[in-house]
């Protein structure tokens, strides 16, 4: 035990934060490690002061975290198409992972989401030569009432079609982000 620690261990204080700071174990590295937290170098003059009246008072501290600025949204697409080689109708399902960006304003987020879904519809229609029916998503945002309406247009024919299934939890989170009523799945 250091002599300063012996002296201060006999003195009781009423401060809410009563700790002893010495330069023992003091790091003078500039590198920060995420799991160790925020690195704070105490001034040496303050560390060498043997008085008990030391207290920490941060004037300004800025915490920077690696915040998540979006969340994943999973959409399953079911496509039924005509296979020319086998001369039969075939069906497959494939999930697409979309990233919903929260750094931009609401209308931009909704428009980007709508464009992503519509691009996937178009991609599958071109890839599997589906020229029958109409497939797209319309998102209508009413600023006056702060409501969002989703119109999913999918002409589900008997032979060829594209349909979507949304992940319940992702859909719940998306609606909650939009401040819309939603029930937890």
C-alpha atoms as a PDB file:
ATOM      1  CA  UNK A   1       0.000   0.000   0.000  1.00  0.00           C
ATOM      2  CA  UNK A   2       1.341   3.430  -0.903  1.00  0.00           C
ATOM      3  CA  UNK A   3       1.843   6.020   1.823  1.00  0.00           C
ATOM      4  CA  UNK A   4      -0.819   8.246   0.287  1.00  0.00           C
ATOM      5  CA  UNK A   5      -3.276   5.357   0.390  1.00  0.00           C
ATOM      6  CA  UNK A   6      -2.537   4.738   4.091  1.00  0.00           C
ATOM      7  CA  UNK A   7      -3.160   8.378   4.885  1.00  0.00           C
ATOM      8  CA  UNK A   8      -6.415   8.571   2.962  1.00  0.00           C
ATOM      9  CA  UNK A   9      -7.759   5.294   4.296  1.00  0.00           C
ATOM     10  CA  UNK A  10      -7.918   6.871   7.785  1.00  0.00           C
ATOM     11  CA  UNK A  11      -9.936   9.876   6.597  1.00  0.00           C
ATOM     12  CA  UNK A  12     -13.680   9.595   5.985  1.00  0.00           C
ATOM     13  CA  UNK A  13     -15.453  11.909   3.579  1.00  0.00           C
ATOM     14  CA  UNK A  14     -19.083  12.617   2.791  1.00  0.00           C
ATOM     15  CA  UNK A  15     -18.599  12.963  -0.948  1.00  0.00           C
ATOM     16  CA  UNK A  16     -20.780  10.772  -3.153  1.00  0.00           C
ATOM     17  CA  UNK A  17     -17.726   9.811  -5.195  1.00  0.00           C
ATOM     18  CA  UNK A  18     -14.821   8.950  -2.942  1.00  0.00           C
ATOM     19  CA  UNK A  19     -11.990   7.333  -4.811  1.00  0.00           C
ATOM     20  CA  UNK A  20      -8.254   7.586  -4.662  1.00  0.00           C
ATOM     21  CA  UNK A  21      -6.370   8.308  -7.860  1.00  0.00           C
ATOM     22  CA  UNK A  22      -2.651   7.728  -8.170  1.00  0.00           C
ATOM     23  CA  UNK A  23      -0.458   7.299 -11.186  1.00  0.00           C
ATOM     24  CA  UNK A  24      -0.139   3.581 -10.442  1.00  0.00           C
ATOM     25  CA  UNK A  25      -1.563   1.697 -13.386  1.00  0.00           C
ATOM     26  CA  UNK A  26      -1.814   4.896 -15.400  1.00  0.00           C
ATOM     27  CA  UNK A  27      -1.796   4.266 -19.140  1.00  0.00           C
ATOM     28  CA  UNK A  28      -0.298   6.801 -21.495  1.00  0.00           C
ATOM     29  CA  UNK A  29      -1.364   5.080 -24.695  1.00  0.00           C
ATOM     30  CA  UNK A  30      -3.304   6.778 -27.438  1.00  0.00           C
ATOM     31  CA  UNK A  31      -4.974   3.603 -28.633  1.00  0.00           C
ATOM     32  CA  UNK A  32      -8.463   2.882 -27.328  1.00  0.00           C
ATOM     33  CA  UNK A  33      -9.930  -0.569 -27.034  1.00  0.00           C
ATOM     34  CA  UNK A  34     -13.683  -0.775 -27.454  1.00  0.00           C
ATOM     35  CA  UNK A  35     -14.435  -3.197 -24.598  1.00  0.00           C
ATOM     36  CA  UNK A  36     -12.317  -1.175 -22.115  1.00  0.00           C
ATOM     37  CA  UNK A  37     -14.501   1.865 -22.574  1.00  0.00           C
ATOM     38  CA  UNK A  38     -13.589   5.528 -22.799  1.00  0.00           C
ATOM     39  CA  UNK A  39      -9.920   6.333 -22.119  1.00  0.00           C
ATOM     40  CA  UNK A  40      -9.393   9.336 -19.883  1.00  0.00           C
ATOM     41  CA  UNK A  41      -5.900  10.567 -18.968  1.00  0.00           C
ATOM     42  CA  UNK A  42      -5.903  12.385 -15.644  1.00  0.00           C
ATOM     43  CA  UNK A  43      -3.513  15.363 -15.449  1.00  0.00           C
ATOM     44  CA  UNK A  44      -0.306  14.391 -13.618  1.00  0.00           C
ATOM     45  CA  UNK A  45      -0.410  17.451 -11.350  1.00  0.00           C
ATOM     46  CA  UNK A  46      -3.881  16.429 -10.231  1.00  0.00           C
ATOM     47  CA  UNK A  47      -2.743  12.837  -9.722  1.00  0.00           C
ATOM     48  CA  UNK A  48       0.226  13.874  -7.598  1.00  0.00           C
ATOM     49  CA  UNK A  49      -1.879  16.070  -5.319  1.00  0.00           C
ATOM     50  CA  UNK A  50      -2.145  14.130  -1.994  1.00  0.00           C
ATOM     51  CA  UNK A  51      -5.294  15.893  -0.759  1.00  0.00           C
ATOM     52  CA  UNK A  52      -8.578  14.079  -0.256  1.00  0.00           C
ATOM     53  CA  UNK A  53     -10.623  16.821  -1.906  1.00  0.00           C
ATOM     54  CA  UNK A  54     -10.319  15.351  -5.360  1.00  0.00           C
ATOM     55  CA  UNK A  55     -13.560  14.756  -7.176  1.00  0.00           C
ATOM     56  CA  UNK A  56     -14.260  14.050 -10.782  1.00  0.00           C
ATOM     57  CA  UNK A  57     -16.373  16.534 -12.650  1.00  0.00           C
ATOM     58  CA  UNK A  58     -16.528  16.167 -16.396  1.00  0.00           C
ATOM     59  CA  UNK A  59     -17.274  19.405 -18.163  1.00  0.00           C
ATOM     60  CA  UNK A  60     -18.095  17.882 -21.497  1.00  0.00           C
ATOM     61  CA  UNK A  61     -17.980  14.341 -22.735  1.00  0.00           C
ATOM     62  CA  UNK A  62     -19.010  13.042 -26.091  1.00  0.00           C
ATOM     63  CA  UNK A  63     -19.772   9.363 -26.436  1.00  0.00           C
ATOM     64  CA  UNK A  64     -19.588   7.966 -29.917  1.00  0.00           C
ATOM     65  CA  UNK A  65     -21.052   4.550 -30.397  1.00  0.00           C
ATOM     66  CA  UNK A  66     -21.354   2.369 -33.411  1.00  0.00           C
ATOM     67  CA  UNK A  67     -25.076   2.865 -33.676  1.00  0.00           C
ATOM     68  CA  UNK A  68     -27.194   0.854 -36.027  1.00  0.00           C
ATOM     69  CA  UNK A  69     -28.723   3.172 -38.581  1.00  0.00           C
ATOM     70  CA  UNK A  70     -31.092   0.660 -40.082  1.00  0.00           C
ATOM     71  CA  UNK A  71     -32.474  -2.779 -39.655  1.00  0.00           C
ATOM     72  CA  UNK A  72     -32.733  -5.840 -41.852  1.00  0.00           C
ATOM     73  CA  UNK A  73     -36.044  -6.604 -43.503  1.00  0.00           C
ATOM     74  CA  UNK A  74     -36.671 -10.057 -44.949  1.00  0.00           C
ATOM     75  CA  UNK A  75     -39.062 -10.602 -47.839  1.00  0.00           C
ATOM     76  CA  UNK A  76     -39.765 -14.044 -49.289  1.00  0.00           C
ATOM     77  CA  UNK A  77     -40.639 -14.136 -52.977  1.00  0.00           C
ATOM     78  CA  UNK A  78     -42.523 -17.064 -54.462  1.00  0.00           C
ATOM     79  CA  UNK A  79     -42.251 -17.323 -58.239  1.00  0.00           C
ATOM     80  CA  UNK A  80     -44.189 -19.737 -60.445  1.00  0.00           C
ATOM     81  CA  UNK A  81     -42.965 -19.793 -64.017  1.00  0.00           C
ATOM     82  CA  UNK A  82     -42.995 -21.880 -67.185  1.00  0.00           C
ATOM     83  CA  UNK A  83     -39.837 -23.911 -67.812  1.00  0.00           C
ATOM     84  CA  UNK A  84     -39.436 -24.128 -71.604  1.00  0.00           C
ATOM     85  CA  UNK A  85     -36.870 -26.948 -71.471  1.00  0.00           C
ATOM     86  CA  UNK A  86     -39.014 -29.242 -69.320  1.00  0.00           C
ATOM     87  CA  UNK A  87     -42.277 -27.834 -70.691  1.00  0.00           C
ATOM     88  CA  UNK A  88     -43.765 -27.673 -67.210  1.00  0.00           C
ATOM     89  CA  UNK A  89     -44.641 -25.023 -64.663  1.00  0.00           C
ATOM     90  CA  UNK A  90     -42.193 -24.776 -61.780  1.00  0.00           C
ATOM     91  CA  UNK A  91     -42.238 -22.871 -58.526  1.00  0.00           C
ATOM     92  CA  UNK A  92     -39.489 -21.703 -56.199  1.00  0.00           C
ATOM     93  CA  UNK A  93     -39.171 -19.490 -53.138  1.00  0.00           C
ATOM     94  CA  UNK A  94     -36.295 -17.196 -52.362  1.00  0.00           C
ATOM     95  CA  UNK A  95     -35.788 -14.766 -49.507  1.00  0.00           C
ATOM     96  CA  UNK A  96     -34.327 -11.344 -50.054  1.00  0.00           C
ATOM     97  CA  UNK A  97     -32.715  -9.344 -47.285  1.00  0.00           C
ATOM     98  CA  UNK A  98     -33.302  -5.604 -47.556  1.00  0.00           C
ATOM     99  CA  UNK A  99     -31.679  -2.974 -45.374  1.00  0.00           C
ATOM    100  CA  UNK A 100     -34.068  -0.243 -44.214  1.00  0.00           C
ATOM    101  CA  UNK A 101     -32.074   2.955 -43.742  1.00  0.00           C
ATOM    102  CA  UNK A 102     -33.061   5.175 -40.798  1.00  0.00           C
ATOM    103  CA  UNK A 103     -30.622   8.035 -41.404  1.00  0.00           C
ATOM    104  CA  UNK A 104     -32.771   9.793 -43.978  1.00  0.00           C
ATOM    105  CA  UNK A 105     -36.233  11.288 -43.628  1.00  0.00           C
ATOM    106  CA  UNK A 106     -39.374   9.164 -43.602  1.00  0.00           C
ATOM    107  CA  UNK A 107     -40.489   9.830 -47.167  1.00  0.00           C
ATOM    108  CA  UNK A 108     -37.063   8.938 -48.563  1.00  0.00           C
ATOM    109  CA  UNK A 109     -37.018   5.730 -46.511  1.00  0.00           C
ATOM    110  CA  UNK A 110     -40.451   4.711 -47.783  1.00  0.00           C
ATOM    111  CA  UNK A 111     -39.569   5.553 -51.372  1.00  0.00           C
ATOM    112  CA  UNK A 112     -36.316   3.558 -51.186  1.00  0.00           C
ATOM    113  CA  UNK A 113     -38.175   0.564 -49.710  1.00  0.00           C
ATOM    114  CA  UNK A 114     -40.809   0.741 -52.452  1.00  0.00           C
ATOM    115  CA  UNK A 115     -38.139   0.958 -55.159  1.00  0.00           C
ATOM    116  CA  UNK A 116     -36.246  -2.045 -53.765  1.00  0.00           C
ATOM    117  CA  UNK A 117     -39.353  -4.237 -53.748  1.00  0.00           C
ATOM    118  CA  UNK A 118     -40.377  -3.079 -57.236  1.00  0.00           C
ATOM    119  CA  UNK A 119     -36.860  -3.709 -58.567  1.00  0.00           C
ATOM    120  CA  UNK A 120     -37.023  -7.282 -57.267  1.00  0.00           C
ATOM    121  CA  UNK A 121     -40.438  -7.789 -58.900  1.00  0.00           C
ATOM    122  CA  UNK A 122     -38.977  -6.522 -62.180  1.00  0.00           C
ATOM    123  CA  UNK A 123     -35.859  -8.677 -61.835  1.00  0.00           C
ATOM    124  CA  UNK A 124     -37.887 -11.868 -61.377  1.00  0.00           C
ATOM    125  CA  UNK A 125     -40.302 -10.948 -64.170  1.00  0.00           C
ATOM    126  CA  UNK A 126     -37.401 -10.502 -66.606  1.00  0.00           C
ATOM    127  CA  UNK A 127     -35.476 -13.537 -65.383  1.00  0.00           C
ATOM    128  CA  UNK A 128     -38.421 -15.938 -65.715  1.00  0.00           C
ATOM    129  CA  UNK A 129     -40.209 -14.270 -68.658  1.00  0.00           C
ATOM    130  CA  UNK A 130     -43.324 -13.424 -66.688  1.00  0.00           C
ATOM    131  CA  UNK A 131     -45.159 -10.936 -68.857  1.00  0.00           C
ATOM    132  CA  UNK A 132     -48.637 -11.666 -67.547  1.00  0.00           C
ATOM    133  CA  UNK A 133     -50.117  -9.634 -64.724  1.00  0.00           C
ATOM    134  CA  UNK A 134     -49.031  -6.581 -62.808  1.00  0.00           C
ATOM    135  CA  UNK A 135     -46.668  -6.714 -59.836  1.00  0.00           C
ATOM    136  CA  UNK A 136     -45.654  -3.701 -57.783  1.00  0.00           C
ATOM    137  CA  UNK A 137     -45.820  -2.084 -54.375  1.00  0.00           C
ATOM    138  CA  UNK A 138     -47.272   1.382 -53.814  1.00  0.00           C
ATOM    139  CA  UNK A 139     -46.603   3.144 -50.525  1.00  0.00           C
ATOM    140  CA  UNK A 140     -48.780   6.172 -49.838  1.00  0.00           C
ATOM    141  CA  UNK A 141     -47.782   8.465 -46.978  1.00  0.00           C
ATOM    142  CA  UNK A 142     -50.394  10.920 -45.726  1.00  0.00           C
ATOM    143  CA  UNK A 143     -48.589  13.824 -44.059  1.00  0.00           C
ATOM    144  CA  UNK A 144     -51.787  15.325 -42.702  1.00  0.00           C
ATOM    145  CA  UNK A 145     -52.819  12.247 -40.702  1.00  0.00           C
ATOM    146  CA  UNK A 146     -49.313  10.721 -40.408  1.00  0.00           C
ATOM    147  CA  UNK A 147     -50.504   7.409 -41.806  1.00  0.00           C
ATOM    148  CA  UNK A 148     -48.877   5.028 -44.234  1.00  0.00           C
ATOM    149  CA  UNK A 149     -50.842   2.831 -46.610  1.00  0.00           C
ATOM    150  CA  UNK A 150     -49.292  -0.149 -48.386  1.00  0.00           C
ATOM    151  CA  UNK A 151     -50.879  -1.284 -51.649  1.00  0.00           C
ATOM    152  CA  UNK A 152     -49.414  -4.556 -52.828  1.00  0.00           C
ATOM    153  CA  UNK A 153     -50.558  -5.345 -56.357  1.00  0.00           C
ATOM    154  CA  UNK A 154     -49.965  -8.947 -57.362  1.00  0.00           C
ATOM    155  CA  UNK A 155     -52.019 -10.580 -60.101  1.00  0.00           C
ATOM    156  CA  UNK A 156     -51.889 -14.168 -58.959  1.00  0.00           C
ATOM    157  CA  UNK A 157     -52.722 -16.073 -62.106  1.00  0.00           C
ATOM    158  CA  UNK A 158     -53.179 -19.815 -62.317  1.00  0.00           C
ATOM    159  CA  UNK A 159     -50.059 -20.526 -64.327  1.00  0.00           C
ATOM    160  CA  UNK A 160     -47.409 -17.877 -63.663  1.00  0.00           C
ATOM    161  CA  UNK A 161     -47.143 -15.368 -60.823  1.00  0.00           C
ATOM    162  CA  UNK A 162     -44.889 -13.621 -58.324  1.00  0.00           C
ATOM    163  CA  UNK A 163     -46.046 -13.299 -54.726  1.00  0.00           C
ATOM    164  CA  UNK A 164     -44.449 -11.967 -51.561  1.00  0.00           C
ATOM    165  CA  UNK A 165     -44.468 -12.986 -47.918  1.00  0.00           C
ATOM    166  CA  UNK A 166     -43.146 -10.624 -45.284  1.00  0.00           C
ATOM    167  CA  UNK A 167     -41.360 -11.690 -42.121  1.00  0.00           C
ATOM    168  CA  UNK A 168     -43.743 -10.928 -39.238  1.00  0.00           C
ATOM    169  CA  UNK A 169     -41.120  -9.542 -36.862  1.00  0.00           C
ATOM    170  CA  UNK A 170     -39.507  -7.398 -39.549  1.00  0.00           C
ATOM    171  CA  UNK A 171     -42.923  -6.131 -40.617  1.00  0.00           C
ATOM    172  CA  UNK A 172     -43.784  -5.284 -36.976  1.00  0.00           C
ATOM    173  CA  UNK A 173     -40.515  -3.360 -36.533  1.00  0.00           C
ATOM    174  CA  UNK A 174     -41.052  -1.521 -39.810  1.00  0.00           C
ATOM    175  CA  UNK A 175     -44.578  -0.445 -38.827  1.00  0.00           C
ATOM    176  CA  UNK A 176     -43.425   0.604 -35.340  1.00  0.00           C
ATOM    177  CA  UNK A 177     -40.659   2.685 -36.927  1.00  0.00           C
ATOM    178  CA  UNK A 178     -43.398   4.418 -38.932  1.00  0.00           C
ATOM    179  CA  UNK A 179     -45.463   4.943 -35.732  1.00  0.00           C
ATOM    180  CA  UNK A 180     -48.251   2.825 -37.147  1.00  0.00           C
ATOM    181  CA  UNK A 181     -50.406   0.467 -35.079  1.00  0.00           C
ATOM    182  CA  UNK A 182     -48.999  -3.051 -35.140  1.00  0.00           C
ATOM    183  CA  UNK A 183     -49.421  -6.189 -33.083  1.00  0.00           C
ATOM    184  CA  UNK A 184     -46.345  -8.036 -31.904  1.00  0.00           C
ATOM    185  CA  UNK A 185     -46.140 -11.385 -33.735  1.00  0.00           C
END
